[in-house]
Amino acid sequence: MPISENLAAVRDRIDKAARRSGRSPEEIALMAVSKTHPSERIREAYVAGLRLFGENRVQEFAGKAPALADLAAAEWHMIGHLQMNKASKAVELFGAMDSVDSVKLAEKLDGAARAKNKKLSVLLEINVGGEAAKSGVAPDSQELEELLLAAQRLEGLAFRGLMTVPPFTADPEGARPYFRKLRELRDALGARTLPAVNMDQLSMGMSHDFEVAVEEGSTCVRVGTAIFGERAKA
């Protein structure tokens, strides 16, 4: 199925989920997760109307970026775990880092952003399920508190909100408690007076469970397979 048709179907599902929960569909940004997909498919998605894209690996996107440089209105976000030694290259390639999970990484990104005279938008990745195999800070951790307190001195970064990847469950409803937990954490942090911290964004929900995420307050869903289709097997 063409990307344009997939996109229309995804937007319709977002619309219905938003209305079920008394929200406006305009409140929810749709991010196309373009990892593993070639520049030609990304260009097709751009032509179909998508402007927000998420990539998981710095090296992979560095190989595709030159062929996409003319897509002037595109926004490129890094949504995967970032290694410290790739921070400078990530700041060069991306306008936002949606997976900050340590003070050390935040400091590294801040230094790289200042060196490039750039303000980098960041989301803090929260490991809501406490899964050892996943990155992200625990919701009630000292690391999270330290990140929030560091925001004021990290002038190259703009703290915008939270992101999570919940534990996978076959039934999308299984993700609901985790999405709710992130929203409640966001609301609690937003009620505090935290210098240089904005909690407007809540990035949660992927192809499998984005409708539940929208119902629970997501402001950005990260959708790959439902837009691009399954990746062709080599």
C-alpha atoms as a PDB file:
ATOM      1  CA  MET A   1       0.000   0.000   0.000  1.00  0.00           C
ATOM      2  CA  PRO A   2       1.383   3.479  -0.842  1.00  0.00           C
ATOM      3  CA  ILE A   3       2.650   5.558   2.065  1.00  0.00           C
ATOM      4  CA  SER A   4      -0.010   8.188   1.350  1.00  0.00           C
ATOM      5  CA  GLU A   5      -2.773   5.630   1.985  1.00  0.00           C
ATOM      6  CA  ASN A   6      -1.090   4.299   5.125  1.00  0.00           C
ATOM      7  CA  LEU A   7      -0.683   7.858   6.363  1.00  0.00           C
ATOM      8  CA  ALA A   8      -4.360   8.640   5.811  1.00  0.00           C
ATOM      9  CA  ALA A   9      -5.335   5.521   7.770  1.00  0.00           C
ATOM     10  CA  VAL A  10      -3.009   6.391  10.664  1.00  0.00           C
ATOM     11  CA  ARG A  11      -4.268   9.967  10.816  1.00  0.00           C
ATOM     12  CA  ASP A  12      -7.849   8.700  10.889  1.00  0.00           C
ATOM     13  CA  ARG A  13      -7.029   6.404  13.814  1.00  0.00           C
ATOM     14  CA  ILE A  14      -5.348   9.271  15.677  1.00  0.00           C
ATOM     15  CA  ASP A  15      -8.380  11.459  15.005  1.00  0.00           C
ATOM     16  CA  LYS A  16     -10.807   8.885  16.389  1.00  0.00           C
ATOM     17  CA  ALA A  17      -8.661   8.135  19.450  1.00  0.00           C
ATOM     18  CA  ALA A  18      -8.345  11.839  20.210  1.00  0.00           C
ATOM     19  CA  ARG A  19     -12.071  12.409  19.942  1.00  0.00           C
ATOM     20  CA  ARG A  20     -12.819   9.380  22.141  1.00  0.00           C
ATOM     21  CA  SER A  21     -10.789  11.026  24.895  1.00  0.00           C
ATOM     22  CA  GLY A  22     -12.170  14.520  24.388  1.00  0.00           C
ATOM     23  CA  ARG A  23      -9.026  15.867  22.754  1.00  0.00           C
ATOM     24  CA  SER A  24      -8.377  17.736  19.543  1.00  0.00           C
ATOM     25  CA  PRO A  25      -6.433  15.735  16.922  1.00  0.00           C
ATOM     26  CA  GLU A  26      -4.348  18.871  16.345  1.00  0.00           C
ATOM     27  CA  GLU A  27      -2.783  18.326  19.776  1.00  0.00           C
ATOM     28  CA  ILE A  28      -1.010  15.162  18.592  1.00  0.00           C
ATOM     29  CA  ALA A  29       2.089  15.252  16.385  1.00  0.00           C
ATOM     30  CA  LEU A  30       2.754  12.279  14.121  1.00  0.00           C
ATOM     31  CA  MET A  31       6.401  11.256  13.901  1.00  0.00           C
ATOM     32  CA  ALA A  32       7.392   8.903  11.094  1.00  0.00           C
ATOM     33  CA  VAL A  33       9.990   6.461  12.424  1.00  0.00           C
ATOM     34  CA  SER A  34      12.193   6.158   9.368  1.00  0.00           C
ATOM     35  CA  LYS A  35      14.962   3.942  10.785  1.00  0.00           C
ATOM     36  CA  THR A  36      16.049   1.175   8.361  1.00  0.00           C
ATOM     37  CA  HIS A  37      14.119   2.817   5.520  1.00  0.00           C
ATOM     38  CA  PRO A  38      16.014   4.289   2.552  1.00  0.00           C
ATOM     39  CA  SER A  39      16.018   7.956   1.639  1.00  0.00           C
ATOM     40  CA  GLU A  40      13.633   7.308  -1.267  1.00  0.00           C
ATOM     41  CA  ARG A  41      10.926   6.068   1.106  1.00  0.00           C
ATOM     42  CA  ILE A  42      11.494   8.985   3.450  1.00  0.00           C
ATOM     43  CA  ARG A  43      11.138  11.362   0.516  1.00  0.00           C
ATOM     44  CA  GLU A  44       7.877   9.641  -0.434  1.00  0.00           C
ATOM     45  CA  ALA A  45       6.609  10.185   3.112  1.00  0.00           C
ATOM     46  CA  TYR A  46       7.622  13.850   2.933  1.00  0.00           C
ATOM     47  CA  VAL A  47       5.739  14.286  -0.344  1.00  0.00           C
ATOM     48  CA  ALA A  48       2.731  12.648   1.319  1.00  0.00           C
ATOM     49  CA  GLY A  49       2.772  15.414   3.926  1.00  0.00           C
ATOM     50  CA  LEU A  50       4.939  14.148   6.790  1.00  0.00           C
ATOM     51  CA  ARG A  51       7.410  16.610   8.275  1.00  0.00           C
ATOM     52  CA  LEU A  52       8.508  15.005  11.545  1.00  0.00           C
ATOM     53  CA  PHE A  53      10.923  12.050  11.363  1.00  0.00           C
ATOM     54  CA  GLY A  54      12.618   9.888  13.973  1.00  0.00           C
ATOM     55  CA  GLU A  55      15.851   7.944  13.526  1.00  0.00           C
ATOM     56  CA  ASN A  56      17.497   5.464  15.902  1.00  0.00           C
ATOM     57  CA  ARG A  57      21.141   5.426  14.842  1.00  0.00           C
ATOM     58  CA  VAL A  58      23.486   8.312  14.173  1.00  0.00           C
ATOM     59  CA  GLN A  59      25.612   6.407  11.672  1.00  0.00           C
ATOM     60  CA  GLU A  60      22.617   5.197   9.657  1.00  0.00           C
ATOM     61  CA  PHE A  61      21.097   8.660   9.378  1.00  0.00           C
ATOM     62  CA  ALA A  62      24.460  10.224   8.529  1.00  0.00           C
ATOM     63  CA  GLY A  63      24.481   8.021   5.436  1.00  0.00           C
ATOM     64  CA  LYS A  64      20.982   9.134   4.386  1.00  0.00           C
ATOM     65  CA  ALA A  65      21.092  12.814   5.329  1.00  0.00           C
ATOM     66  CA  PRO A  66      22.891  14.144   2.231  1.00  0.00           C
ATOM     67  CA  ALA A  67      20.176  12.743  -0.052  1.00  0.00           C
ATOM     68  CA  LEU A  68      17.507  14.442   2.098  1.00  0.00           C
ATOM     69  CA  ALA A  69      19.154  17.834   2.582  1.00  0.00           C
ATOM     70  CA  ASP A  70      16.696  19.570   0.252  1.00  0.00           C
ATOM     71  CA  LEU A  71      13.658  18.646   2.414  1.00  0.00           C
ATOM     72  CA  ALA A  72      13.738  22.062   4.023  1.00  0.00           C
ATOM     73  CA  ALA A  73      10.678  21.679   6.260  1.00  0.00           C
ATOM     74  CA  ALA A  74      11.638  18.281   7.665  1.00  0.00           C
ATOM     75  CA  GLU A  75      12.423  17.926  11.379  1.00  0.00           C
ATOM     76  CA  TRP A  76      14.866  15.186  12.331  1.00  0.00           C
ATOM     77  CA  HIS A  77      14.753  13.707  15.826  1.00  0.00           C
ATOM     78  CA  MET A  78      17.090  11.155  17.376  1.00  0.00           C
ATOM     79  CA  ILE A  79      14.889   8.691  19.258  1.00  0.00           C
ATOM     80  CA  GLY A  80      17.305   5.819  19.942  1.00  0.00           C
ATOM     81  CA  HIS A  81      19.877   5.320  22.669  1.00  0.00           C
ATOM     82  CA  LEU A  82      22.853   7.582  22.021  1.00  0.00           C
ATOM     83  CA  GLN A  83      26.449   6.627  22.769  1.00  0.00           C
ATOM     84  CA  MET A  84      28.552   9.368  24.322  1.00  0.00           C
ATOM     85  CA  ASN A  85      31.122   9.354  21.517  1.00  0.00           C
ATOM     86  CA  LYS A  86      28.420  10.135  18.958  1.00  0.00           C
ATOM     87  CA  ALA A  87      26.986  13.164  20.767  1.00  0.00           C
ATOM     88  CA  SER A  88      28.742  15.761  18.622  1.00  0.00           C
ATOM     89  CA  LYS A  89      27.666  14.122  15.356  1.00  0.00           C
ATOM     90  CA  ALA A  90      24.111  13.754  16.674  1.00  0.00           C
ATOM     91  CA  VAL A  91      23.924  17.481  17.441  1.00  0.00           C
ATOM     92  CA  GLU A  92      25.149  18.185  13.921  1.00  0.00           C
ATOM     93  CA  LEU A  93      22.496  15.964  12.294  1.00  0.00           C
ATOM     94  CA  PHE A  94      19.424  16.353  14.511  1.00  0.00           C
ATOM     95  CA  GLY A  95      17.338  19.223  15.796  1.00  0.00           C
ATOM     96  CA  ALA A  96      16.108  17.273  18.805  1.00  0.00           C
ATOM     97  CA  MET A  97      17.230  14.449  21.061  1.00  0.00           C
ATOM     98  CA  ASP A  98      14.241  12.544  22.423  1.00  0.00           C
ATOM     99  CA  SER A  99      16.119   9.946  24.483  1.00  0.00           C
ATOM    100  CA  VAL A 100      18.273  11.721  27.073  1.00  0.00           C
ATOM    101  CA  ASP A 101      18.758   9.346  29.980  1.00  0.00           C
ATOM    102  CA  SER A 102      21.704  10.620  32.042  1.00  0.00           C
ATOM    103  CA  VAL A 103      23.300  13.805  33.294  1.00  0.00           C
ATOM    104  CA  LYS A 104      26.561  12.844  31.593  1.00  0.00           C
ATOM    105  CA  LEU A 105      24.847  12.525  28.215  1.00  0.00           C
ATOM    106  CA  ALA A 106      23.005  15.813  28.746  1.00  0.00           C
ATOM    107  CA  GLU A 107      26.304  17.535  29.554  1.00  0.00           C
ATOM    108  CA  LYS A 108      27.940  16.057  26.459  1.00  0.00           C
ATOM    109  CA  LEU A 109      25.073  17.225  24.246  1.00  0.00           C
ATOM    110  CA  ASP A 110      25.100  20.648  25.884  1.00  0.00           C
ATOM    111  CA  GLY A 111      28.794  21.106  25.124  1.00  0.00           C
ATOM    112  CA  ALA A 112      28.335  20.003  21.517  1.00  0.00           C
ATOM    113  CA  ALA A 113      25.307  22.259  21.054  1.00  0.00           C
ATOM    114  CA  ARG A 114      27.102  25.303  22.467  1.00  0.00           C
ATOM    115  CA  ALA A 115      30.108  24.629  20.249  1.00  0.00           C
ATOM    116  CA  LYS A 116      27.787  24.734  17.244  1.00  0.00           C
ATOM    117  CA  ASN A 117      25.876  27.754  18.590  1.00  0.00           C
ATOM    118  CA  LYS A 118      22.744  25.634  18.577  1.00  0.00           C
ATOM    119  CA  LYS A 119      19.811  25.126  20.948  1.00  0.00           C
ATOM    120  CA  LEU A 120      18.965  21.416  21.045  1.00  0.00           C
ATOM    121  CA  SER A 121      15.483  20.337  22.127  1.00  0.00           C
ATOM    122  CA  VAL A 122      15.534  17.303  24.405  1.00  0.00           C
ATOM    123  CA  LEU A 123      13.095  14.883  25.989  1.00  0.00           C
ATOM    124  CA  LEU A 124      13.982  12.806  29.022  1.00  0.00           C
ATOM    125  CA  GLU A 125      13.532   9.088  28.451  1.00  0.00           C
ATOM    126  CA  ILE A 126      11.728   7.386  31.328  1.00  0.00           C
ATOM    127  CA  ASN A 127      11.901   3.625  31.834  1.00  0.00           C
ATOM    128  CA  VAL A 128       8.355   3.277  33.140  1.00  0.00           C
ATOM    129  CA  GLY A 129       8.449  -0.526  33.130  1.00  0.00           C
ATOM    130  CA  GLY A 130      11.729  -0.865  34.997  1.00  0.00           C
ATOM    131  CA  GLU A 131      13.094  -3.145  32.287  1.00  0.00           C
ATOM    132  CA  ALA A 132      16.790  -3.882  32.644  1.00  0.00           C
ATOM    133  CA  ALA A 133      17.265  -4.267  28.884  1.00  0.00           C
ATOM    134  CA  LYS A 134      15.911  -0.789  28.126  1.00  0.00           C
ATOM    135  CA  SER A 135      17.520   2.597  28.545  1.00  0.00           C
ATOM    136  CA  GLY A 136      15.861   5.450  30.381  1.00  0.00           C
ATOM    137  CA  VAL A 137      15.814   6.740  33.942  1.00  0.00           C
ATOM    138  CA  ALA A 138      13.478   5.385  36.596  1.00  0.00           C
ATOM    139  CA  PRO A 139      10.476   7.632  37.348  1.00  0.00           C
ATOM    140  CA  ASP A 140      11.432   8.060  41.011  1.00  0.00           C
ATOM    141  CA  SER A 141      15.211   8.048  40.610  1.00  0.00           C
ATOM    142  CA  GLN A 142      17.848  10.449  41.845  1.00  0.00           C
ATOM    143  CA  GLU A 143      19.164  10.542  38.251  1.00  0.00           C
ATOM    144  CA  LEU A 144      15.902  12.091  37.071  1.00  0.00           C
ATOM    145  CA  GLU A 145      16.031  14.693  39.815  1.00  0.00           C
ATOM    146  CA  GLU A 146      19.634  15.518  38.911  1.00  0.00           C
ATOM    147  CA  LEU A 147      18.694  15.908  35.248  1.00  0.00           C
ATOM    148  CA  LEU A 148      15.917  18.331  36.121  1.00  0.00           C
ATOM    149  CA  LEU A 149      18.182  20.361  38.372  1.00  0.00           C
ATOM    150  CA  ALA A 150      20.928  20.429  35.716  1.00  0.00           C
ATOM    151  CA  ALA A 151      18.624  22.010  33.129  1.00  0.00           C
ATOM    152  CA  GLN A 152      19.294  25.559  34.303  1.00  0.00           C
ATOM    153  CA  ARG A 153      23.050  25.334  33.664  1.00  0.00           C
ATOM    154  CA  LEU A 154      22.773  23.369  30.404  1.00  0.00           C
ATOM    155  CA  GLU A 155      22.022  26.407  28.283  1.00  0.00           C
ATOM    156  CA  GLY A 156      22.566  24.594  24.984  1.00  0.00           C
ATOM    157  CA  LEU A 157      19.584  22.359  25.720  1.00  0.00           C
ATOM    158  CA  ALA A 158      15.862  23.060  25.857  1.00  0.00           C
ATOM    159  CA  PHE A 159      14.068  20.575  28.102  1.00  0.00           C
ATOM    160  CA  ARG A 160      10.643  19.946  26.523  1.00  0.00           C
ATOM    161  CA  GLY A 161       9.114  16.902  28.203  1.00  0.00           C
ATOM    162  CA  LEU A 162       9.210  13.119  28.564  1.00  0.00           C
ATOM    163  CA  MET A 163       9.413  10.029  26.360  1.00  0.00           C
ATOM    164  CA  THR A 164       8.911   6.320  27.032  1.00  0.00           C
ATOM    165  CA  VAL A 165       8.815   2.890  25.424  1.00  0.00           C
ATOM    166  CA  PRO A 166       6.581   0.671  27.595  1.00  0.00           C
ATOM    167  CA  PRO A 167       6.980  -3.087  28.010  1.00  0.00           C
ATOM    168  CA  PHE A 168       5.543  -4.892  24.990  1.00  0.00           C
ATOM    169  CA  THR A 169       2.244  -6.676  25.426  1.00  0.00           C
ATOM    170  CA  ALA A 170       0.303  -8.488  22.693  1.00  0.00           C
ATOM    171  CA  ASP A 171      -2.790  -6.526  23.669  1.00  0.00           C
ATOM    172  CA  PRO A 172      -2.209  -2.756  23.222  1.00  0.00           C
ATOM    173  CA  GLU A 173      -4.336  -2.194  26.318  1.00  0.00           C
ATOM    174  CA  GLY A 174      -1.462  -3.632  28.324  1.00  0.00           C
ATOM    175  CA  ALA A 175       0.473  -0.435  27.669  1.00  0.00           C
ATOM    176  CA  ARG A 176      -2.209   1.812  29.173  1.00  0.00           C
ATOM    177  CA  PRO A 177      -0.964   1.737  32.801  1.00  0.00           C
ATOM    178  CA  TYR A 178       2.534   2.714  31.636  1.00  0.00           C
ATOM    179  CA  PHE A 179       1.283   5.570  29.470  1.00  0.00           C
ATOM    180  CA  ARG A 180      -0.863   6.775  32.342  1.00  0.00           C
ATOM    181  CA  LYS A 181       2.109   6.598  34.687  1.00  0.00           C
ATOM    182  CA  LEU A 182       4.190   8.777  32.363  1.00  0.00           C
ATOM    183  CA  ARG A 183       1.399  11.321  32.018  1.00  0.00           C
ATOM    184  CA  GLU A 184       1.000  11.482  35.791  1.00  0.00           C
ATOM    185  CA  LEU A 185       4.757  11.952  36.185  1.00  0.00           C
ATOM    186  CA  ARG A 186       4.716  14.726  33.583  1.00  0.00           C
ATOM    187  CA  ASP A 187       1.826  16.421  35.371  1.00  0.00           C
ATOM    188  CA  ALA A 188       3.586  16.162  38.740  1.00  0.00           C
ATOM    189  CA  LEU A 189       6.795  17.629  37.347  1.00  0.00           C
ATOM    190  CA  GLY A 190       4.865  20.318  35.521  1.00  0.00           C
ATOM    191  CA  ALA A 191       3.280  21.396  38.797  1.00  0.00           C
ATOM    192  CA  ARG A 192       6.718  22.092  40.272  1.00  0.00           C
ATOM    193  CA  THR A 193       8.705  25.249  39.684  1.00  0.00           C
ATOM    194  CA  LEU A 194      11.644  23.833  37.729  1.00  0.00           C
ATOM    195  CA  PRO A 195      13.883  26.479  36.146  1.00  0.00           C
ATOM    196  CA  ALA A 196      14.525  25.927  32.422  1.00  0.00           C
ATOM    197  CA  VAL A 197      12.266  22.859  32.296  1.00  0.00           C
ATOM    198  CA  ASN A 198       9.154  22.737  30.118  1.00  0.00           C
ATOM    199  CA  MET A 199       6.867  19.708  30.369  1.00  0.00           C
ATOM    200  CA  ASP A 200       4.593  20.308  27.391  1.00  0.00           C
ATOM    201  CA  GLN A 201       5.605  17.241  25.386  1.00  0.00           C
ATOM    202  CA  LEU A 202       4.741  13.628  26.064  1.00  0.00           C
ATOM    203  CA  SER A 203       6.171  11.287  23.425  1.00  0.00           C
ATOM    204  CA  MET A 204       4.604   7.850  23.734  1.00  0.00           C
ATOM    205  CA  GLY A 205       2.885   5.329  21.498  1.00  0.00           C
ATOM    206  CA  MET A 206       4.094   3.401  18.454  1.00  0.00           C
ATOM    207  CA  SER A 207       2.446   1.476  15.612  1.00  0.00           C
ATOM    208  CA  HIS A 208       1.199  -1.227  17.973  1.00  0.00           C
ATOM    209  CA  ASP A 209      -0.341   0.959  20.673  1.00  0.00           C
ATOM    210  CA  PHE A 210      -0.528   4.607  19.578  1.00  0.00           C
ATOM    211  CA  GLU A 211      -4.314   4.844  19.921  1.00  0.00           C
ATOM    212  CA  VAL A 212      -4.091   3.923  23.613  1.00  0.00           C
ATOM    213  CA  ALA A 213      -1.255   6.437  24.007  1.00  0.00           C
ATOM    214  CA  VAL A 214      -3.390   9.194  22.461  1.00  0.00           C
ATOM    215  CA  GLU A 215      -6.226   8.357  24.844  1.00  0.00           C
ATOM    216  CA  GLU A 216      -3.774   8.670  27.743  1.00  0.00           C
ATOM    217  CA  GLY A 217      -2.462  12.084  26.709  1.00  0.00           C
ATOM    218  CA  SER A 218       0.385  11.577  24.235  1.00  0.00           C
ATOM    219  CA  THR A 219       1.371  14.703  22.323  1.00  0.00           C
ATOM    220  CA  CYS A 220       3.575  12.807  19.850  1.00  0.00           C
ATOM    221  CA  VAL A 221       3.216   9.255  18.537  1.00  0.00           C
ATOM    222  CA  ARG A 222       6.178   7.539  16.880  1.00  0.00           C
ATOM    223  CA  VAL A 223       4.906   5.402  14.030  1.00  0.00           C
ATOM    224  CA  GLY A 224       7.048   3.326  11.679  1.00  0.00           C
ATOM    225  CA  THR A 225       5.510   0.088  10.425  1.00  0.00           C
ATOM    226  CA  ALA A 226       1.955   1.471  10.109  1.00  0.00           C
ATOM    227  CA  ILE A 227       3.313   4.160   7.751  1.00  0.00           C
ATOM    228  CA  PHE A 228       6.184   2.498   5.874  1.00  0.00           C
ATOM    229  CA  GLY A 229       5.034  -1.120   6.079  1.00  0.00           C
ATOM    230  CA  GLU A 230       7.168  -4.042   7.141  1.00  0.00           C
ATOM    231  CA  ARG A 231      10.817  -3.810   6.214  1.00  0.00           C
ATOM    232  CA  ALA A 232      11.664  -6.106   3.308  1.00  0.00           C
ATOM    233  CA  LYS A 233      13.665  -9.140   4.382  1.00  0.00           C
ATOM    234  CA  ALA A 234      17.175  -9.295   2.947  1.00  0.00           C
END
